[in-house]
Amino acid sequence: MIERPVSQSAGLQVFFLLLFLEQGYSLLFSLKLFWLKDS
């Protein structure tokens, strides 16, 4: 009973971490394209 919410919260943390990494990579990619276009 105690292990289920813990595993669910861990899954949520992993999900948000992956979402944050995906947003970060897309942001870096767009900045890289903008910098290449500007120079």
N, C-alpha and C. Protein backbone atom coordinates (compact mmCIF):
# COMPACT_ATOMS: atom_id res chain seq x y z
N MET A 1 0.84 -1.21 0.00
CA MET A 1 0.00 0.00 0.00
C MET A 1 0.87 1.26 0.00
N ILE A 2 1.99 1.19 0.73
CA ILE A 2 2.85 2.38 0.83
C ILE A 2 3.72 2.52 -0.42
N GLU A 3 4.05 1.39 -1.06
CA GLU A 3 4.97 1.45 -2.19
C GLU A 3 4.33 2.01 -3.45
N ARG A 4 3.02 1.87 -3.61
CA ARG A 4 2.40 2.32 -4.85
C ARG A 4 2.49 3.83 -5.05
N PRO A 5 2.08 4.66 -4.08
CA PRO A 5 2.18 6.12 -4.29
C PRO A 5 3.62 6.57 -4.49
N VAL A 6 4.56 5.93 -3.82
CA VAL A 6 5.97 6.30 -3.97
C VAL A 6 6.42 6.04 -5.40
N SER A 7 6.06 4.87 -5.94
CA SER A 7 6.46 4.55 -7.31
C SER A 7 5.76 5.49 -8.30
N GLN A 8 4.51 5.85 -8.01
CA GLN A 8 3.80 6.77 -8.89
C GLN A 8 4.44 8.15 -8.86
N SER A 9 4.82 8.63 -7.68
CA SER A 9 5.46 9.94 -7.60
C SER A 9 6.83 9.91 -8.28
N ALA A 10 7.53 8.79 -8.17
CA ALA A 10 8.82 8.66 -8.86
C ALA A 10 8.61 8.69 -10.36
N GLY A 11 7.56 8.03 -10.84
CA GLY A 11 7.25 8.05 -12.26
C GLY A 11 6.92 9.45 -12.73
N LEU A 12 6.19 10.21 -11.90
CA LEU A 12 5.87 11.59 -12.25
C LEU A 12 7.13 12.43 -12.32
N GLN A 13 8.06 12.21 -11.38
CA GLN A 13 9.31 12.98 -11.38
C GLN A 13 10.10 12.67 -12.64
N VAL A 14 10.16 11.41 -13.04
CA VAL A 14 10.88 11.03 -14.26
C VAL A 14 10.20 11.65 -15.47
N PHE A 15 8.85 11.65 -15.48
CA PHE A 15 8.11 12.22 -16.60
C PHE A 15 8.40 13.71 -16.74
N PHE A 16 8.35 14.43 -15.60
CA PHE A 16 8.61 15.87 -15.65
C PHE A 16 10.06 16.15 -16.01
N LEU A 17 10.98 15.28 -15.56
CA LEU A 17 12.39 15.45 -15.91
C LEU A 17 12.60 15.30 -17.41
N LEU A 18 11.97 14.26 -17.99
CA LEU A 18 12.08 14.06 -19.44
C LEU A 18 11.45 15.21 -20.19
N LEU A 19 10.31 15.70 -19.69
CA LEU A 19 9.63 16.82 -20.35
C LEU A 19 10.52 18.06 -20.30
N PHE A 20 11.15 18.29 -19.13
CA PHE A 20 12.04 19.45 -18.97
C PHE A 20 13.24 19.34 -19.91
N LEU A 21 13.81 18.13 -20.01
CA LEU A 21 14.96 17.93 -20.90
C LEU A 21 14.57 18.14 -22.35
N GLU A 22 13.36 17.67 -22.72
CA GLU A 22 12.91 17.84 -24.11
C GLU A 22 12.73 19.32 -24.42
N GLN A 23 12.14 20.08 -23.49
CA GLN A 23 11.96 21.51 -23.70
C GLN A 23 13.32 22.20 -23.79
N GLY A 24 14.26 21.80 -22.95
CA GLY A 24 15.59 22.41 -22.96
C GLY A 24 16.32 22.15 -24.26
N TYR A 25 16.24 20.90 -24.75
CA TYR A 25 16.92 20.58 -26.00
C TYR A 25 16.31 21.32 -27.18
N SER A 26 14.97 21.43 -27.19
CA SER A 26 14.32 22.16 -28.29
C SER A 26 14.69 23.63 -28.24
N LEU A 27 14.81 24.18 -27.02
CA LEU A 27 15.18 25.58 -26.87
C LEU A 27 16.61 25.81 -27.34
N LEU A 28 17.52 24.92 -26.94
CA LEU A 28 18.92 25.04 -27.38
C LEU A 28 19.03 24.89 -28.89
N PHE A 29 18.23 23.99 -29.46
CA PHE A 29 18.27 23.78 -30.91
C PHE A 29 17.79 25.02 -31.65
N SER A 30 16.72 25.64 -31.16
CA SER A 30 16.20 26.85 -31.81
C SER A 30 17.19 28.00 -31.66
N LEU A 31 17.84 28.10 -30.48
CA LEU A 31 18.85 29.14 -30.29
C LEU A 31 20.04 28.92 -31.21
N LYS A 32 20.42 27.65 -31.39
CA LYS A 32 21.54 27.33 -32.27
C LYS A 32 21.21 27.71 -33.71
N LEU A 33 19.99 27.41 -34.15
CA LEU A 33 19.58 27.77 -35.51
C LEU A 33 19.56 29.28 -35.67
N PHE A 34 19.07 29.99 -34.65
CA PHE A 34 19.01 31.45 -34.71
C PHE A 34 20.41 32.04 -34.78
N TRP A 35 21.35 31.46 -34.00
CA TRP A 35 22.72 31.97 -33.99
C TRP A 35 23.41 31.70 -35.32
N LEU A 36 23.16 30.53 -35.90
CA LEU A 36 23.76 30.21 -37.20
C LEU A 36 23.19 31.12 -38.29
N LYS A 37 21.91 31.44 -38.19
CA LYS A 37 21.29 32.30 -39.19
C LYS A 37 21.79 33.74 -39.04
N ASP A 38 22.05 34.15 -37.80
CA ASP A 38 22.46 35.54 -37.54
C ASP A 38 23.90 35.78 -37.97
N SER A 39 24.77 34.80 -37.77
CA SER A 39 26.18 35.00 -38.08
C SER A 39 26.47 34.81 -39.57
